[in-house]
Amino acid sequence: MAAFTLSAEPRPTVSSIKQLFEFLSDFGNFKSILPDDKVENFTYDKDSCSFNIKGITPMSIRLAEKKPYETLFFSSEGLSKFNFKLRVNFKGEAEQTGTSAVEMQGDLNPFILKMAEKSLLALVNSMNQKLSQLQIQTP
Protein backbone atom coordinates (compact mmCIF):
# COMPACT_ATOMS: atom_id res chain seq x y z
CA MET A 1 0.00 0.00 0.00
CA ALA A 2 1.08 3.57 -0.64
CA ALA A 3 0.24 6.39 1.75
CA PHE A 4 -0.89 9.63 0.14
CA THR A 5 -1.98 13.14 1.10
CA LEU A 6 -3.89 15.38 -1.29
CA SER A 7 -4.46 18.98 -0.18
CA ALA A 8 -6.44 21.84 -1.62
CA GLU A 9 -4.98 25.33 -1.35
CA PRO A 10 -6.65 27.39 1.41
CA ARG A 11 -9.42 29.57 -0.01
CA PRO A 12 -11.10 32.65 1.47
CA THR A 13 -14.61 31.95 2.74
CA VAL A 14 -17.78 33.91 2.00
CA SER A 15 -19.56 32.85 5.22
CA SER A 16 -18.20 32.94 8.75
CA ILE A 17 -16.05 30.09 10.04
CA LYS A 18 -18.69 29.27 12.66
CA GLN A 19 -21.48 29.08 10.05
CA LEU A 20 -19.45 26.79 7.81
CA PHE A 21 -18.32 24.58 10.69
CA GLU A 22 -21.89 24.08 11.95
CA PHE A 23 -23.26 23.63 8.43
CA LEU A 24 -20.74 20.91 7.56
CA SER A 25 -21.19 19.20 10.95
CA ASP A 26 -24.66 18.17 9.72
CA PHE A 27 -24.42 15.30 7.21
CA GLY A 28 -27.65 16.50 5.61
CA ASN A 29 -25.60 19.41 4.24
CA PHE A 30 -22.52 17.45 3.16
CA LYS A 31 -23.82 16.87 -0.38
CA SER A 32 -23.70 20.64 -1.03
CA ILE A 33 -19.88 20.55 -1.22
CA LEU A 34 -19.70 17.46 -3.47
CA PRO A 35 -19.50 17.81 -7.28
CA ASP A 36 -23.13 17.76 -8.51
CA ASP A 37 -22.35 16.08 -11.81
CA LYS A 38 -20.36 13.22 -10.26
CA VAL A 39 -22.30 12.25 -7.12
CA GLU A 40 -24.84 9.44 -7.16
CA ASN A 41 -26.86 7.67 -4.47
CA PHE A 42 -26.17 10.14 -1.66
CA THR A 43 -27.69 8.97 1.64
CA TYR A 44 -27.09 10.18 5.17
CA ASP A 45 -28.11 9.82 8.77
CA LYS A 46 -27.12 11.69 11.93
CA ASP A 47 -23.65 10.12 12.13
CA SER A 48 -22.56 9.31 8.58
CA CYS A 49 -23.15 9.56 4.85
CA SER A 50 -22.43 7.44 1.81
CA PHE A 51 -22.34 8.16 -1.89
CA ASN A 52 -20.89 7.03 -5.20
CA ILE A 53 -18.62 9.24 -7.23
CA LYS A 54 -18.34 8.29 -10.90
CA GLY A 55 -14.89 6.88 -11.60
CA ILE A 56 -14.08 6.41 -7.91
CA THR A 57 -15.13 3.67 -5.49
CA PRO A 58 -18.32 4.14 -3.44
CA MET A 59 -17.55 6.08 -0.26
CA SER A 60 -18.96 6.01 3.23
CA ILE A 61 -17.76 8.46 5.85
CA ARG A 62 -18.32 9.15 9.52
CA LEU A 63 -17.50 12.23 11.57
CA ALA A 64 -14.54 11.17 13.70
CA GLU A 65 -13.59 14.37 15.50
CA LYS A 66 -14.61 18.00 15.83
CA LYS A 67 -12.39 20.79 17.06
CA PRO A 68 -14.85 23.71 17.19
CA TYR A 69 -14.30 26.29 14.48
CA GLU A 70 -10.90 24.81 13.52
CA THR A 71 -11.16 21.25 12.19
CA LEU A 72 -13.70 18.64 11.12
CA PHE A 73 -12.16 15.19 10.78
CA PHE A 74 -14.02 12.50 8.80
CA SER A 75 -12.95 8.88 8.27
CA SER A 76 -13.99 6.25 5.77
CA GLU A 77 -16.04 3.33 6.91
CA GLY A 78 -16.38 -0.21 5.64
CA LEU A 79 -14.23 0.15 2.54
CA SER A 80 -11.89 -2.78 2.04
CA LYS A 81 -9.74 -1.38 -0.78
CA PHE A 82 -9.75 2.33 -0.01
CA ASN A 83 -9.35 3.75 3.48
CA PHE A 84 -9.08 7.49 3.81
CA LYS A 85 -9.40 10.40 6.18
CA LEU A 86 -10.87 13.72 5.16
CA ARG A 87 -9.95 16.81 7.13
CA VAL A 88 -11.53 20.24 6.74
CA ASN A 89 -9.41 22.98 8.28
CA PHE A 90 -10.65 26.48 9.04
CA LYS A 91 -8.50 29.48 9.90
CA GLY A 92 -9.80 32.75 11.25
CA GLU A 93 -12.09 34.11 13.94
CA ALA A 94 -15.27 32.06 14.45
CA GLU A 95 -17.67 34.96 13.80
CA GLN A 96 -15.71 36.27 10.79
CA THR A 97 -14.86 35.01 7.34
CA GLY A 98 -11.52 33.22 7.08
CA THR A 99 -10.09 30.40 5.00
CA SER A 100 -11.00 26.76 4.43
CA ALA A 101 -8.82 23.91 3.21
CA VAL A 102 -9.82 20.30 2.49
CA GLU A 103 -7.27 17.51 2.78
CA MET A 104 -7.52 13.78 2.06
CA GLN A 105 -5.11 11.19 3.44
CA GLY A 106 -5.19 7.49 2.79
CA ASP A 107 -3.57 4.25 1.69
CA LEU A 108 -4.02 2.70 -1.73
CA ASN A 109 -2.34 0.11 -3.89
CA PRO A 110 0.37 2.13 -5.76
CA PHE A 111 -1.03 1.13 -9.16
CA ILE A 112 -4.57 2.19 -8.22
CA LEU A 113 -3.26 5.40 -6.64
CA LYS A 114 -1.55 6.33 -9.91
CA MET A 115 -4.87 5.90 -11.74
CA ALA A 116 -7.08 7.58 -9.11
CA GLU A 117 -4.86 10.42 -7.90
CA LYS A 118 -6.01 12.99 -10.47
CA SER A 119 -9.71 12.27 -9.78
CA LEU A 120 -9.21 12.37 -6.02
CA LEU A 121 -7.34 15.68 -6.18
CA ALA A 122 -10.10 17.12 -8.38
CA LEU A 123 -12.63 15.96 -5.77
CA VAL A 124 -10.70 17.61 -2.91
CA ASN A 125 -10.31 20.86 -4.88
CA SER A 126 -13.97 20.90 -5.90
CA MET A 127 -15.12 20.31 -2.31
CA ASN A 128 -12.90 23.11 -1.05
CA GLN A 129 -14.06 25.56 -3.70
CA LYS A 130 -17.73 24.83 -3.03
CA LEU A 131 -17.24 25.08 0.74
CA SER A 132 -15.47 28.43 0.52
CA GLN A 133 -18.22 29.85 -1.71
CA LEU A 134 -21.20 28.74 0.42
CA GLN A 135 -23.39 31.64 1.44
CA ILE A 136 -25.12 30.58 4.64
CA GLN A 137 -27.98 32.74 5.83
CA THR A 138 -28.61 32.92 9.55
CA PRO A 139 -32.29 32.97 10.56
C-alpha atoms as a PDB file:
ATOM      1  CA  MET A   1       0.000   0.000   0.000  1.00  0.00           C
ATOM      2  CA  ALA A   2       1.083   3.571  -0.637  1.00  0.00           C
ATOM      3  CA  ALA A   3       0.244   6.393   1.749  1.00  0.00           C
ATOM      4  CA  PHE A   4      -0.885   9.634   0.138  1.00  0.00           C
ATOM      5  CA  THR A   5      -1.982  13.140   1.105  1.00  0.00           C
ATOM      6  CA  LEU A   6      -3.893  15.382  -1.290  1.00  0.00           C
ATOM      7  CA  SER A   7      -4.463  18.975  -0.181  1.00  0.00           C
ATOM      8  CA  ALA A   8      -6.437  21.844  -1.624  1.00  0.00           C
ATOM      9  CA  GLU A   9      -4.980  25.333  -1.349  1.00  0.00           C
ATOM     10  CA  PRO A  10      -6.647  27.389   1.407  1.00  0.00           C
ATOM     11  CA  ARG A  11      -9.419  29.573  -0.005  1.00  0.00           C
ATOM     12  CA  PRO A  12     -11.098  32.648   1.466  1.00  0.00           C
ATOM     13  CA  THR A  13     -14.614  31.951   2.739  1.00  0.00           C
ATOM     14  CA  VAL A  14     -17.780  33.913   1.998  1.00  0.00           C
ATOM     15  CA  SER A  15     -19.558  32.853   5.221  1.00  0.00           C
ATOM     16  CA  SER A  16     -18.200  32.942   8.752  1.00  0.00           C
ATOM     17  CA  ILE A  17     -16.051  30.090  10.035  1.00  0.00           C
ATOM     18  CA  LYS A  18     -18.686  29.273  12.661  1.00  0.00           C
ATOM     19  CA  GLN A  19     -21.484  29.077  10.049  1.00  0.00           C
ATOM     20  CA  LEU A  20     -19.447  26.788   7.807  1.00  0.00           C
ATOM     21  CA  PHE A  21     -18.321  24.579  10.695  1.00  0.00           C
ATOM     22  CA  GLU A  22     -21.887  24.085  11.949  1.00  0.00           C
ATOM     23  CA  PHE A  23     -23.256  23.626   8.430  1.00  0.00           C
ATOM     24  CA  LEU A  24     -20.741  20.910   7.557  1.00  0.00           C
ATOM     25  CA  SER A  25     -21.187  19.203  10.951  1.00  0.00           C
ATOM     26  CA  ASP A  26     -24.663  18.173   9.716  1.00  0.00           C
ATOM     27  CA  PHE A  27     -24.415  15.300   7.209  1.00  0.00           C
ATOM     28  CA  GLY A  28     -27.650  16.503   5.606  1.00  0.00           C
ATOM     29  CA  ASN A  29     -25.604  19.415   4.240  1.00  0.00           C
ATOM     30  CA  PHE A  30     -22.525  17.450   3.159  1.00  0.00           C
ATOM     31  CA  LYS A  31     -23.820  16.873  -0.382  1.00  0.00           C
ATOM     32  CA  SER A  32     -23.703  20.637  -1.033  1.00  0.00           C
ATOM     33  CA  ILE A  33     -19.878  20.546  -1.225  1.00  0.00           C
ATOM     34  CA  LEU A  34     -19.696  17.459  -3.471  1.00  0.00           C
ATOM     35  CA  PRO A  35     -19.503  17.807  -7.278  1.00  0.00           C
ATOM     36  CA  ASP A  36     -23.125  17.763  -8.512  1.00  0.00           C
ATOM     37  CA  ASP A  37     -22.350  16.076 -11.807  1.00  0.00           C
ATOM     38  CA  LYS A  38     -20.365  13.222 -10.264  1.00  0.00           C
ATOM     39  CA  VAL A  39     -22.301  12.251  -7.121  1.00  0.00           C
ATOM     40  CA  GLU A  40     -24.840   9.440  -7.157  1.00  0.00           C
ATOM     41  CA  ASN A  41     -26.865   7.667  -4.471  1.00  0.00           C
ATOM     42  CA  PHE A  42     -26.166  10.138  -1.656  1.00  0.00           C
ATOM     43  CA  THR A  43     -27.688   8.967   1.635  1.00  0.00           C
ATOM     44  CA  TYR A  44     -27.090  10.177   5.168  1.00  0.00           C
ATOM     45  CA  ASP A  45     -28.106   9.817   8.772  1.00  0.00           C
ATOM     46  CA  LYS A  46     -27.119  11.686  11.929  1.00  0.00           C
ATOM     47  CA  ASP A  47     -23.646  10.122  12.129  1.00  0.00           C
ATOM     48  CA  SER A  48     -22.560   9.306   8.582  1.00  0.00           C
ATOM     49  CA  CYS A  49     -23.146   9.561   4.850  1.00  0.00           C
ATOM     50  CA  SER A  50     -22.430   7.438   1.810  1.00  0.00           C
ATOM     51  CA  PHE A  51     -22.336   8.158  -1.895  1.00  0.00           C
ATOM     52  CA  ASN A  52     -20.888   7.034  -5.199  1.00  0.00           C
ATOM     53  CA  ILE A  53     -18.621   9.241  -7.232  1.00  0.00           C
ATOM     54  CA  LYS A  54     -18.342   8.290 -10.896  1.00  0.00           C
ATOM     55  CA  GLY A  55     -14.890   6.883 -11.598  1.00  0.00           C
ATOM     56  CA  ILE A  56     -14.085   6.410  -7.906  1.00  0.00           C
ATOM     57  CA  THR A  57     -15.133   3.667  -5.488  1.00  0.00           C
ATOM     58  CA  PRO A  58     -18.324   4.142  -3.436  1.00  0.00           C
ATOM     59  CA  MET A  59     -17.546   6.082  -0.256  1.00  0.00           C
ATOM     60  CA  SER A  60     -18.960   6.006   3.235  1.00  0.00           C
ATOM     61  CA  ILE A  61     -17.757   8.461   5.853  1.00  0.00           C
ATOM     62  CA  ARG A  62     -18.317   9.146   9.521  1.00  0.00           C
ATOM     63  CA  LEU A  63     -17.499  12.232  11.569  1.00  0.00           C
ATOM     64  CA  ALA A  64     -14.540  11.165  13.704  1.00  0.00           C
ATOM     65  CA  GLU A  65     -13.589  14.372  15.497  1.00  0.00           C
ATOM     66  CA  LYS A  66     -14.609  18.004  15.830  1.00  0.00           C
ATOM     67  CA  LYS A  67     -12.393  20.795  17.063  1.00  0.00           C
ATOM     68  CA  PRO A  68     -14.848  23.711  17.191  1.00  0.00           C
ATOM     69  CA  TYR A  69     -14.302  26.291  14.484  1.00  0.00           C
ATOM     70  CA  GLU A  70     -10.904  24.813  13.516  1.00  0.00           C
ATOM     71  CA  THR A  71     -11.164  21.246  12.188  1.00  0.00           C
ATOM     72  CA  LEU A  72     -13.695  18.638  11.124  1.00  0.00           C
ATOM     73  CA  PHE A  73     -12.164  15.186  10.776  1.00  0.00           C
ATOM     74  CA  PHE A  74     -14.016  12.498   8.801  1.00  0.00           C
ATOM     75  CA  SER A  75     -12.954   8.883   8.273  1.00  0.00           C
ATOM     76  CA  SER A  76     -13.992   6.246   5.767  1.00  0.00           C
ATOM     77  CA  GLU A  77     -16.043   3.334   6.912  1.00  0.00           C
ATOM     78  CA  GLY A  78     -16.382  -0.215   5.640  1.00  0.00           C
ATOM     79  CA  LEU A  79     -14.227   0.152   2.537  1.00  0.00           C
ATOM     80  CA  SER A  80     -11.891  -2.782   2.043  1.00  0.00           C
ATOM     81  CA  LYS A  81      -9.742  -1.378  -0.779  1.00  0.00           C
ATOM     82  CA  PHE A  82      -9.746   2.327  -0.010  1.00  0.00           C
ATOM     83  CA  ASN A  83      -9.355   3.749   3.480  1.00  0.00           C
ATOM     84  CA  PHE A  84      -9.079   7.486   3.812  1.00  0.00           C
ATOM     85  CA  LYS A  85      -9.402  10.399   6.179  1.00  0.00           C
ATOM     86  CA  LEU A  86     -10.872  13.722   5.160  1.00  0.00           C
ATOM     87  CA  ARG A  87      -9.951  16.813   7.132  1.00  0.00           C
ATOM     88  CA  VAL A  88     -11.534  20.244   6.739  1.00  0.00           C
ATOM     89  CA  ASN A  89      -9.409  22.980   8.281  1.00  0.00           C
ATOM     90  CA  PHE A  90     -10.648  26.480   9.040  1.00  0.00           C
ATOM     91  CA  LYS A  91      -8.496  29.483   9.897  1.00  0.00           C
ATOM     92  CA  GLY A  92      -9.805  32.745  11.249  1.00  0.00           C
ATOM     93  CA  GLU A  93     -12.086  34.111  13.939  1.00  0.00           C
ATOM     94  CA  ALA A  94     -15.269  32.061  14.449  1.00  0.00           C
ATOM     95  CA  GLU A  95     -17.666  34.964  13.800  1.00  0.00           C
ATOM     96  CA  GLN A  96     -15.707  36.273  10.791  1.00  0.00           C
ATOM     97  CA  THR A  97     -14.856  35.014   7.340  1.00  0.00           C
ATOM     98  CA  GLY A  98     -11.521  33.223   7.083  1.00  0.00           C
ATOM     99  CA  THR A  99     -10.088  30.399   5.000  1.00  0.00           C
ATOM    100  CA  SER A 100     -11.000  26.765   4.432  1.00  0.00           C
ATOM    101  CA  ALA A 101      -8.822  23.908   3.206  1.00  0.00           C
ATOM    102  CA  VAL A 102      -9.823  20.302   2.491  1.00  0.00           C
ATOM    103  CA  GLU A 103      -7.269  17.509   2.785  1.00  0.00           C
ATOM    104  CA  MET A 104      -7.525  13.779   2.056  1.00  0.00           C
ATOM    105  CA  GLN A 105      -5.111  11.189   3.443  1.00  0.00           C
ATOM    106  CA  GLY A 106      -5.188   7.488   2.793  1.00  0.00           C
ATOM    107  CA  ASP A 107      -3.575   4.250   1.689  1.00  0.00           C
ATOM    108  CA  LEU A 108      -4.015   2.698  -1.727  1.00  0.00           C
ATOM    109  CA  ASN A 109      -2.338   0.113  -3.889  1.00  0.00           C
ATOM    110  CA  PRO A 110       0.365   2.133  -5.761  1.00  0.00           C
ATOM    111  CA  PHE A 111      -1.032   1.132  -9.164  1.00  0.00           C
ATOM    112  CA  ILE A 112      -4.569   2.189  -8.225  1.00  0.00           C
ATOM    113  CA  LEU A 113      -3.257   5.398  -6.636  1.00  0.00           C
ATOM    114  CA  LYS A 114      -1.553   6.333  -9.906  1.00  0.00           C
ATOM    115  CA  MET A 115      -4.874   5.904 -11.736  1.00  0.00           C
ATOM    116  CA  ALA A 116      -7.085   7.581  -9.106  1.00  0.00           C
ATOM    117  CA  GLU A 117      -4.861  10.424  -7.902  1.00  0.00           C
ATOM    118  CA  LYS A 118      -6.009  12.987 -10.473  1.00  0.00           C
ATOM    119  CA  SER A 119      -9.712  12.270  -9.777  1.00  0.00           C
ATOM    120  CA  LEU A 120      -9.207  12.368  -6.017  1.00  0.00           C
ATOM    121  CA  LEU A 121      -7.335  15.682  -6.181  1.00  0.00           C
ATOM    122  CA  ALA A 122     -10.100  17.116  -8.382  1.00  0.00           C
ATOM    123  CA  LEU A 123     -12.633  15.963  -5.772  1.00  0.00           C
ATOM    124  CA  VAL A 124     -10.696  17.614  -2.913  1.00  0.00           C
ATOM    125  CA  ASN A 125     -10.306  20.865  -4.879  1.00  0.00           C
ATOM    126  CA  SER A 126     -13.969  20.903  -5.899  1.00  0.00           C
ATOM    127  CA  MET A 127     -15.122  20.311  -2.314  1.00  0.00           C
ATOM    128  CA  ASN A 128     -12.903  23.109  -1.046  1.00  0.00           C
ATOM    129  CA  GLN A 129     -14.057  25.556  -3.701  1.00  0.00           C
ATOM    130  CA  LYS A 130     -17.734  24.835  -3.031  1.00  0.00           C
ATOM    131  CA  LEU A 131     -17.244  25.077   0.736  1.00  0.00           C
ATOM    132  CA  SER A 132     -15.473  28.433   0.517  1.00  0.00           C
ATOM    133  CA  GLN A 133     -18.219  29.849  -1.711  1.00  0.00           C
ATOM    134  CA  LEU A 134     -21.196  28.740   0.421  1.00  0.00           C
ATOM    135  CA  GLN A 135     -23.393  31.638   1.438  1.00  0.00           C
ATOM    136  CA  ILE A 136     -25.123  30.580   4.639  1.00  0.00           C
ATOM    137  CA  GLN A 137     -27.978  32.736   5.834  1.00  0.00           C
ATOM    138  CA  THR A 138     -28.612  32.923   9.554  1.00  0.00           C
ATOM    139  CA  PRO A 139     -32.288  32.969  10.563  1.00  0.00           C
END
